[in-house]
PDB file of N, CA and C in Angstrom:
ATOM      1  N   MET A   1     -11.988  17.061   2.193  1.00  0.00           N
ATOM      2  CA  MET A   1     -10.922  16.375   1.463  1.00  0.00           C
ATOM      3  C   MET A   1     -10.311  15.308   2.392  1.00  0.00           C
ATOM      4  N   PRO A   2     -10.116  14.096   1.890  1.00  0.00           N
ATOM      5  CA  PRO A   2      -9.557  13.025   2.722  1.00  0.00           C
ATOM      6  C   PRO A   2      -8.075  13.255   3.015  1.00  0.00           C
ATOM      7  N   GLY A   3      -7.633  12.728   4.152  1.00  0.00           N
ATOM      8  CA  GLY A   3      -6.215  12.777   4.484  1.00  0.00           C
ATOM      9  C   GLY A   3      -5.443  11.779   3.635  1.00  0.00           C
ATOM     10  N   ARG A   4      -4.155  12.017   3.486  1.00  0.00           N
ATOM     11  CA  ARG A   4      -3.304  11.131   2.685  1.00  0.00           C
ATOM     12  C   ARG A   4      -2.577  10.174   3.602  1.00  0.00           C
ATOM     13  N   LEU A   5      -2.632   8.893   3.266  1.00  0.00           N
ATOM     14  CA  LEU A   5      -2.040   7.827   4.070  1.00  0.00           C
ATOM     15  C   LEU A   5      -1.159   6.975   3.173  1.00  0.00           C
ATOM     16  N   LEU A   6       0.088   6.749   3.574  1.00  0.00           N
ATOM     17  CA  LEU A   6       1.045   5.971   2.785  1.00  0.00           C
ATOM     18  C   LEU A   6       1.402   4.689   3.518  1.00  0.00           C
ATOM     19  N   PHE A   7       1.298   3.568   2.819  1.00  0.00           N
ATOM     20  CA  PHE A   7       1.767   2.271   3.324  1.00  0.00           C
ATOM     21  C   PHE A   7       3.113   1.985   2.667  1.00  0.00           C
ATOM     22  N   VAL A   8       4.100   1.630   3.499  1.00  0.00           N
ATOM     23  CA  VAL A   8       5.451   1.370   3.006  1.00  0.00           C
ATOM     24  C   VAL A   8       5.864  -0.029   3.439  1.00  0.00           C
ATOM     25  N   CYS A   9       6.411  -0.796   2.502  1.00  0.00           N
ATOM     26  CA  CYS A   9       6.999  -2.076   2.840  1.00  0.00           C
ATOM     27  C   CYS A   9       8.477  -1.985   2.483  1.00  0.00           C
ATOM     28  N   ALA A  10       9.295  -1.837   3.513  1.00  0.00           N
ATOM     29  CA  ALA A  10      10.724  -1.622   3.307  1.00  0.00           C
ATOM     30  C   ALA A  10      11.401  -2.792   2.619  1.00  0.00           C
ATOM     31  N   GLN A  11      10.850  -3.995   2.762  1.00  0.00           N
ATOM     32  CA  GLN A  11      11.471  -5.162   2.148  1.00  0.00           C
ATOM     33  C   GLN A  11      10.879  -5.489   0.780  1.00  0.00           C
ATOM     34  N   GLY A  12      10.002  -4.647   0.285  1.00  0.00           N
ATOM     35  CA  GLY A  12       9.510  -4.794  -1.074  1.00  0.00           C
ATOM     36  C   GLY A  12       8.500  -5.900  -1.312  1.00  0.00           C
ATOM     37  N   SER A  13       7.831  -6.377  -0.270  1.00  0.00           N
ATOM     38  CA  SER A  13       6.803  -7.393  -0.506  1.00  0.00           C
ATOM     39  C   SER A  13       5.497  -6.712  -0.882  1.00  0.00           C
ATOM     40  N   SER A  14       4.473  -7.479  -1.034  1.00  0.00           N
ATOM     41  CA  SER A  14       3.161  -6.956  -1.418  1.00  0.00           C
ATOM     42  C   SER A  14       2.335  -6.519  -0.220  1.00  0.00           C
ATOM     43  N   ARG A  15       2.888  -6.566   0.969  1.00  0.00           N
ATOM     44  CA  ARG A  15       2.108  -6.249   2.174  1.00  0.00           C
ATOM     45  C   ARG A  15       1.551  -4.832   2.158  1.00  0.00           C
ATOM     46  N   ALA A  16       2.326  -3.864   1.701  1.00  0.00           N
ATOM     47  CA  ALA A  16       1.854  -2.480   1.660  1.00  0.00           C
ATOM     48  C   ALA A  16       0.675  -2.343   0.702  1.00  0.00           C
ATOM     49  N   LEU A  17       0.783  -2.965  -0.456  1.00  0.00           N
ATOM     50  CA  LEU A  17      -0.317  -2.933  -1.431  1.00  0.00           C
ATOM     51  C   LEU A  17      -1.565  -3.595  -0.871  1.00  0.00           C
ATOM     52  N   LEU A  18      -1.405  -4.733  -0.236  1.00  0.00           N
ATOM     53  CA  LEU A  18      -2.553  -5.442   0.346  1.00  0.00           C
ATOM     54  C   LEU A  18      -3.211  -4.615   1.443  1.00  0.00           C
ATOM     55  N   ALA A  19      -2.417  -4.117   2.379  1.00  0.00           N
ATOM     56  CA  ALA A  19      -2.969  -3.342   3.492  1.00  0.00           C
ATOM     57  C   ALA A  19      -3.645  -2.066   2.990  1.00  0.00           C
ATOM     58  N   GLY A  20      -2.996  -1.368   2.092  1.00  0.00           N
ATOM     59  CA  GLY A  20      -3.581  -0.145   1.554  1.00  0.00           C
ATOM     60  C   GLY A  20      -4.866  -0.389   0.791  1.00  0.00           C
ATOM     61  N   SER A  21      -4.886  -1.435   0.008  1.00  0.00           N
ATOM     62  CA  SER A  21      -6.084  -1.752  -0.784  1.00  0.00           C
ATOM     63  C   SER A  21      -7.255  -2.153   0.105  1.00  0.00           C
ATOM     64  N   LEU A  22      -6.971  -2.933   1.143  1.00  0.00           N
ATOM     65  CA  LEU A  22      -8.048  -3.341   2.047  1.00  0.00           C
ATOM     66  C   LEU A  22      -8.593  -2.150   2.833  1.00  0.00           C
ATOM     67  N   LEU A  23      -7.709  -1.253   3.274  1.00  0.00           N
ATOM     68  CA  LEU A  23      -8.197  -0.078   3.984  1.00  0.00           C
ATOM     69  C   LEU A  23      -8.984   0.834   3.057  1.00  0.00           C
ATOM     70  N   GLU A  24      -8.527   0.989   1.832  1.00  0.00           N
ATOM     71  CA  GLU A  24      -9.260   1.846   0.897  1.00  0.00           C
ATOM     72  C   GLU A  24     -10.682   1.330   0.676  1.00  0.00           C
ATOM     73  N   ALA A  25     -10.841   0.015   0.637  1.00  0.00           N
ATOM     74  CA  ALA A  25     -12.175  -0.556   0.455  1.00  0.00           C
ATOM     75  C   ALA A  25     -13.100  -0.187   1.623  1.00  0.00           C
ATOM     76  N   MET A  26     -12.513   0.034   2.804  1.00  0.00           N
ATOM     77  CA  MET A  26     -13.320   0.344   3.990  1.00  0.00           C
ATOM     78  C   MET A  26     -13.420   1.843   4.279  1.00  0.00           C
ATOM     79  N   ALA A  27     -12.423   2.615   3.895  1.00  0.00           N
ATOM     80  CA  ALA A  27     -12.374   4.009   4.339  1.00  0.00           C
ATOM     81  C   ALA A  27     -11.980   4.984   3.232  1.00  0.00           C
ATOM     82  N   ALA A  28     -12.420   4.742   2.020  1.00  0.00           N
ATOM     83  CA  ALA A  28     -12.012   5.572   0.885  1.00  0.00           C
ATOM     84  C   ALA A  28     -12.437   7.029   1.034  1.00  0.00           C
ATOM     85  N   LEU A  29     -13.526   7.287   1.731  1.00  0.00           N
ATOM     86  CA  LEU A  29     -13.965   8.669   1.890  1.00  0.00           C
ATOM     87  C   LEU A  29     -13.137   9.420   2.927  1.00  0.00           C
ATOM     88  N   ARG A  30     -12.511   8.690   3.835  1.00  0.00           N
ATOM     89  CA  ARG A  30     -11.723   9.320   4.891  1.00  0.00           C
ATOM     90  C   ARG A  30     -10.251   9.475   4.516  1.00  0.00           C
ATOM     91  N   TRP A  31      -9.719   8.530   3.749  1.00  0.00           N
ATOM     92  CA  TRP A  31      -8.293   8.518   3.412  1.00  0.00           C
ATOM     93  C   TRP A  31      -8.073   8.383   1.920  1.00  0.00           C
ATOM     94  N   GLU A  32      -7.067   9.065   1.425  1.00  0.00           N
ATOM     95  CA  GLU A  32      -6.536   8.828   0.078  1.00  0.00           C
ATOM     96  C   GLU A  32      -5.326   7.935   0.293  1.00  0.00           C
ATOM     97  N   ILE A  33      -5.434   6.680  -0.128  1.00  0.00           N
ATOM     98  CA  ILE A  33      -4.423   5.661   0.178  1.00  0.00           C
ATOM     99  C   ILE A  33      -3.360   5.604  -0.916  1.00  0.00           C
ATOM    100  N   TRP A  34      -2.105   5.573  -0.481  1.00  0.00           N
ATOM    101  CA  TRP A  34      -0.947   5.414  -1.353  1.00  0.00           C
ATOM    102  C   TRP A  34      -0.141   4.221  -0.851  1.00  0.00           C
ATOM    103  N   SER A  35       0.693   3.641  -1.720  1.00  0.00           N
ATOM    104  CA  SER A  35       1.499   2.494  -1.328  1.00  0.00           C
ATOM    105  C   SER A  35       2.772   2.440  -2.153  1.00  0.00           C
ATOM    106  N   THR A  36       3.805   1.854  -1.544  1.00  0.00           N
ATOM    107  CA  THR A  36       4.977   1.530  -2.342  1.00  0.00           C
ATOM    108  C   THR A  36       4.608   0.346  -3.245  1.00  0.00           C
ATOM    109  N   PRO A  37       5.166   0.284  -4.435  1.00  0.00           N
ATOM    110  CA  PRO A  37       4.815  -0.797  -5.358  1.00  0.00           C
ATOM    111  C   PRO A  37       5.495  -2.113  -4.998  1.00  0.00           C
ATOM    112  N   THR A  38       4.955  -3.189  -5.527  1.00  0.00           N
ATOM    113  CA  THR A  38       5.626  -4.486  -5.401  1.00  0.00           C
ATOM    114  C   THR A  38       6.787  -4.495  -6.395  1.00  0.00           C
ATOM    115  N   PRO A  39       7.858  -5.227  -6.095  1.00  0.00           N
ATOM    116  CA  PRO A  39       9.042  -5.160  -6.950  1.00  0.00           C
ATOM    117  C   PRO A  39       8.899  -5.872  -8.299  1.00  0.00           C
ATOM    118  N   ASP A  40       7.918  -6.747  -8.415  1.00  0.00           N
ATOM    119  CA  ASP A  40       7.786  -7.481  -9.676  1.00  0.00           C
ATOM    120  C   ASP A  40       6.320  -7.775  -9.994  1.00  0.00           C
ATOM    121  N   GLN A  41       6.068  -8.159 -11.215  1.00  0.00           N
ATOM    122  CA  GLN A  41       4.705  -8.440 -11.659  1.00  0.00           C
ATOM    123  C   GLN A  41       4.115  -9.662 -10.960  1.00  0.00           C
ATOM    124  N   HIS A  42       4.952 -10.637 -10.630  1.00  0.00           N
ATOM    125  CA  HIS A  42       4.462 -11.832  -9.940  1.00  0.00           C
ATOM    126  C   HIS A  42       3.890 -11.474  -8.572  1.00  0.00           C
ATOM    127  N   GLY A  43       4.598 -10.635  -7.816  1.00  0.00           N
ATOM    128  CA  GLY A  43       4.105 -10.193  -6.516  1.00  0.00           C
ATOM    129  C   GLY A  43       2.804  -9.428  -6.634  1.00  0.00           C
ATOM    130  N   TYR A  44       2.703  -8.583  -7.654  1.00  0.00           N
ATOM    131  CA  TYR A  44       1.470  -7.821  -7.877  1.00  0.00           C
ATOM    132  C   TYR A  44       0.316  -8.765  -8.213  1.00  0.00           C
ATOM    133  N   ALA A  45       0.577  -9.752  -9.055  1.00  0.00           N
ATOM    134  CA  ALA A  45      -0.472 -10.708  -9.439  1.00  0.00           C
ATOM    135  C   ALA A  45      -0.962 -11.508  -8.227  1.00  0.00           C
ATOM    136  N   LEU A  46      -0.054 -11.907  -7.353  1.00  0.00           N
ATOM    137  CA  LEU A  46      -0.469 -12.618  -6.144  1.00  0.00           C
ATOM    138  C   LEU A  46      -1.326 -11.725  -5.242  1.00  0.00           C
ATOM    139  N   ALA A  47      -0.920 -10.468  -5.080  1.00  0.00           N
ATOM    140  CA  ALA A  47      -1.709  -9.530  -4.273  1.00  0.00           C
ATOM    141  C   ALA A  47      -3.090  -9.325  -4.886  1.00  0.00           C
ATOM    142  N   GLU A  48      -3.138  -9.207  -6.192  1.00  0.00           N
ATOM    143  CA  GLU A  48      -4.419  -9.048  -6.888  1.00  0.00           C
ATOM    144  C   GLU A  48      -5.334 -10.249  -6.639  1.00  0.00           C
ATOM    145  N   GLN A  49      -4.774 -11.448  -6.680  1.00  0.00           N
ATOM    146  CA  GLN A  49      -5.554 -12.660  -6.431  1.00  0.00           C
ATOM    147  C   GLN A  49      -6.121 -12.669  -5.013  1.00  0.00           C
ATOM    148  N   VAL A  50      -5.287 -12.328  -4.021  1.00  0.00           N
ATOM    149  CA  VAL A  50      -5.749 -12.279  -2.630  1.00  0.00           C
ATOM    150  C   VAL A  50      -6.864 -11.247  -2.484  1.00  0.00           C
ATOM    151  N   LEU A  51      -6.695 -10.088  -3.098  1.00  0.00           N
ATOM    152  CA  LEU A  51      -7.720  -9.046  -2.999  1.00  0.00           C
ATOM    153  C   LEU A  51      -9.029  -9.484  -3.662  1.00  0.00           C
ATOM    154  N   ARG A  52      -8.938 -10.151  -4.796  1.00  0.00           N
ATOM    155  CA  ARG A  52     -10.165 -10.667  -5.446  1.00  0.00           C
ATOM    156  C   ARG A  52     -10.896 -11.636  -4.534  1.00  0.00           C
ATOM    157  N   GLU A  53     -10.149 -12.484  -3.837  1.00  0.00           N
ATOM    158  CA  GLU A  53     -10.758 -13.434  -2.897  1.00  0.00           C
ATOM    159  C   GLU A  53     -11.470 -12.705  -1.766  1.00  0.00           C
ATOM    160  N   GLN A  54     -11.036 -11.484  -1.461  1.00  0.00           N
ATOM    161  CA  GLN A  54     -11.665 -10.667  -0.426  1.00  0.00           C
ATOM    162  C   GLN A  54     -12.682  -9.681  -1.018  1.00  0.00           C
ATOM    163  N   HIS A  55     -13.015  -9.869  -2.281  1.00  0.00           N
ATOM    164  CA  HIS A  55     -13.966  -9.006  -2.999  1.00  0.00           C
ATOM    165  C   HIS A  55     -13.501  -7.551  -2.988  1.00  0.00           C
ATOM    166  N   SER A  56     -12.228  -7.357  -3.247  1.00  0.00           N
ATOM    167  CA  SER A  56     -11.633  -6.039  -3.261  1.00  0.00           C
ATOM    168  C   SER A  56     -10.744  -5.910  -4.494  1.00  0.00           C
ATOM    169  N   THR A  57     -10.239  -4.718  -4.735  1.00  0.00           N
ATOM    170  CA  THR A  57      -9.338  -4.466  -5.864  1.00  0.00           C
ATOM    171  C   THR A  57      -8.130  -3.686  -5.366  1.00  0.00           C
ATOM    172  N   PRO A  58      -7.009  -3.755  -6.089  1.00  0.00           N
ATOM    173  CA  PRO A  58      -5.835  -2.970  -5.690  1.00  0.00           C
ATOM    174  C   PRO A  58      -6.104  -1.471  -5.826  1.00  0.00           C
ATOM    175  N   ILE A  59      -5.368  -0.683  -5.040  1.00  0.00           N
ATOM    176  CA  ILE A  59      -5.479   0.759  -5.217  1.00  0.00           C
ATOM    177  C   ILE A  59      -4.984   1.099  -6.621  1.00  0.00           C
ATOM    178  N   PRO A  60      -5.398   2.235  -7.177  1.00  0.00           N
ATOM    179  CA  PRO A  60      -4.990   2.589  -8.548  1.00  0.00           C
ATOM    180  C   PRO A  60      -3.467   2.647  -8.697  1.00  0.00           C
ATOM    181  N   THR A  61      -2.984   2.206  -9.838  1.00  0.00           N
ATOM    182  CA  THR A  61      -1.535   2.144 -10.064  1.00  0.00           C
ATOM    183  C   THR A  61      -0.864   3.509  -9.972  1.00  0.00           C
ATOM    184  N   GLU A  62      -1.588   4.598 -10.237  1.00  0.00           N
ATOM    185  CA  GLU A  62      -0.966   5.919 -10.131  1.00  0.00           C
ATOM    186  C   GLU A  62      -0.679   6.302  -8.671  1.00  0.00           C
ATOM    187  N   ARG A  63      -1.189   5.521  -7.716  1.00  0.00           N
ATOM    188  CA  ARG A  63      -0.892   5.756  -6.302  1.00  0.00           C
ATOM    189  C   ARG A  63       0.068   4.714  -5.737  1.00  0.00           C
ATOM    190  N   LEU A  64       0.744   3.986  -6.623  1.00  0.00           N
ATOM    191  CA  LEU A  64       1.841   3.078  -6.229  1.00  0.00           C
ATOM    192  C   LEU A  64       3.134   3.806  -6.558  1.00  0.00           C
ATOM    193  N   ILE A  65       3.834   4.274  -5.524  1.00  0.00           N
ATOM    194  CA  ILE A  65       4.985   5.151  -5.763  1.00  0.00           C
ATOM    195  C   ILE A  65       6.132   4.830  -4.817  1.00  0.00           C
ATOM    196  N   HIS A  66       7.296   5.298  -5.178  1.00  0.00           N
ATOM    197  CA  HIS A  66       8.449   5.326  -4.279  1.00  0.00           C
ATOM    198  C   HIS A  66       8.509   6.765  -3.770  1.00  0.00           C
ATOM    199  N   PRO A  67       8.285   6.974  -2.465  1.00  0.00           N
ATOM    200  CA  PRO A  67       8.243   8.343  -1.950  1.00  0.00           C
ATOM    201  C   PRO A  67       9.568   9.077  -2.128  1.00  0.00           C
ATOM    202  N   THR A  68       9.462  10.355  -2.403  1.00  0.00           N
ATOM    203  CA  THR A  68      10.635  11.218  -2.534  1.00  0.00           C
ATOM    204  C   THR A  68      10.419  12.465  -1.678  1.00  0.00           C
ATOM    205  N   SER A  69      11.455  13.234  -1.521  1.00  0.00           N
ATOM    206  CA  SER A  69      11.321  14.451  -0.719  1.00  0.00           C
ATOM    207  C   SER A  69      10.302  15.381  -1.360  1.00  0.00           C
ATOM    208  N   GLY A  70       9.609  16.101  -0.528  1.00  0.00           N
ATOM    209  CA  GLY A  70       8.585  17.028  -1.009  1.00  0.00           C
ATOM    210  C   GLY A  70       7.188  16.439  -1.013  1.00  0.00           C
ATOM    211  N   MET A  71       7.074  15.124  -0.884  1.00  0.00           N
ATOM    212  CA  MET A  71       5.756  14.496  -0.818  1.00  0.00           C
ATOM    213  C   MET A  71       5.281  14.523   0.630  1.00  0.00           C
ATOM    214  N   VAL A  72       3.980  14.747   0.828  1.00  0.00           N
ATOM    215  CA  VAL A  72       3.446  14.901   2.172  1.00  0.00           C
ATOM    216  C   VAL A  72       2.260  13.967   2.383  1.00  0.00           C
ATOM    217  N   TRP A  73       2.272  13.265   3.532  1.00  0.00           N
ATOM    218  CA  TRP A  73       1.155  12.428   3.959  1.00  0.00           C
ATOM    219  C   TRP A  73       0.836  12.768   5.401  1.00  0.00           C
ATOM    220  N   GLU A  74      -0.424  12.569   5.784  1.00  0.00           N
ATOM    221  CA  GLU A  74      -0.803  12.762   7.182  1.00  0.00           C
ATOM    222  C   GLU A  74      -0.255  11.632   8.048  1.00  0.00           C
ATOM    223  N   GLU A  75      -0.217  10.437   7.507  1.00  0.00           N
ATOM    224  CA  GLU A  75       0.274   9.266   8.247  1.00  0.00           C
ATOM    225  C   GLU A  75       1.056   8.361   7.302  1.00  0.00           C
ATOM    226  N   VAL A  76       2.078   7.696   7.838  1.00  0.00           N
ATOM    227  CA  VAL A  76       2.838   6.678   7.102  1.00  0.00           C
ATOM    228  C   VAL A  76       2.855   5.429   7.966  1.00  0.00           C
ATOM    229  N   ILE A  77       2.475   4.307   7.389  1.00  0.00           N
ATOM    230  CA  ILE A  77       2.478   3.030   8.092  1.00  0.00           C
ATOM    231  C   ILE A  77       3.557   2.157   7.462  1.00  0.00           C
ATOM    232  N   ILE A  78       4.537   1.765   8.268  1.00  0.00           N
ATOM    233  CA  ILE A  78       5.652   0.957   7.768  1.00  0.00           C
ATOM    234  C   ILE A  78       5.391  -0.499   8.116  1.00  0.00           C
ATOM    235  N   LEU A  79       5.381  -1.332   7.120  1.00  0.00           N
ATOM    236  CA  LEU A  79       5.183  -2.774   7.282  1.00  0.00           C
ATOM    237  C   LEU A  79       6.497  -3.481   6.978  1.00  0.00           C
ATOM    238  N   CYS A  80       6.783  -4.546   7.683  1.00  0.00           N
ATOM    239  CA  CYS A  80       7.959  -5.383   7.449  1.00  0.00           C
ATOM    240  C   CYS A  80       9.233  -4.557   7.280  1.00  0.00           C
ATOM    241  N   SER A  81       9.519  -3.743   8.278  1.00  0.00           N
ATOM    242  CA  SER A  81      10.656  -2.817   8.173  1.00  0.00           C
ATOM    243  C   SER A  81      12.004  -3.521   8.190  1.00  0.00           C
ATOM    244  N   GLY A  82      12.078  -4.704   8.811  1.00  0.00           N
ATOM    245  CA  GLY A  82      13.354  -5.380   8.926  1.00  0.00           C
ATOM    246  C   GLY A  82      14.256  -4.721   9.965  1.00  0.00           C
ATOM    247  N   ALA A  83      13.686  -3.849  10.784  1.00  0.00           N
ATOM    248  CA  ALA A  83      14.468  -3.086  11.752  1.00  0.00           C
ATOM    249  C   ALA A  83      14.749  -3.863  13.030  1.00  0.00           C
ATOM    250  N   THR A  84      14.163  -5.011  13.196  1.00  0.00           N
ATOM    251  CA  THR A  84      14.379  -5.765  14.426  1.00  0.00           C
ATOM    252  C   THR A  84      15.280  -6.964  14.161  1.00  0.00           C
ATOM    253  N   ASP A  85      16.014  -7.345  15.167  1.00  0.00           N
ATOM    254  CA  ASP A  85      16.848  -8.542  15.088  1.00  0.00           C
ATOM    255  C   ASP A  85      16.151  -9.644  15.854  1.00  0.00           C
ATOM    256  N   THR A  86      15.734 -10.701  15.170  1.00  0.00           N
ATOM    257  CA  THR A  86      15.044 -11.815  15.838  1.00  0.00           C
ATOM    258  C   THR A  86      15.811 -13.088  15.659  1.00  0.00           C
TER     259      THR A  86
END
């Protein structure tokens, strides 16, 4: 059974969806990829276009979630956290 991996984009961009979808295309047998959703349909459509250009597809919509307590992943990758002051 593959490990569960969650991509999170704290600022709500499409980066988590893009990163998760690209990794799933390469390592679907090793990881079950999850991602936080994009905040709007326009962001999702742009991510879909980029993925098509890379001959890939978005991860299934049922794995686009807002994590809640009780959910478990082996790894969580945080993208664009906004935690740094630049």
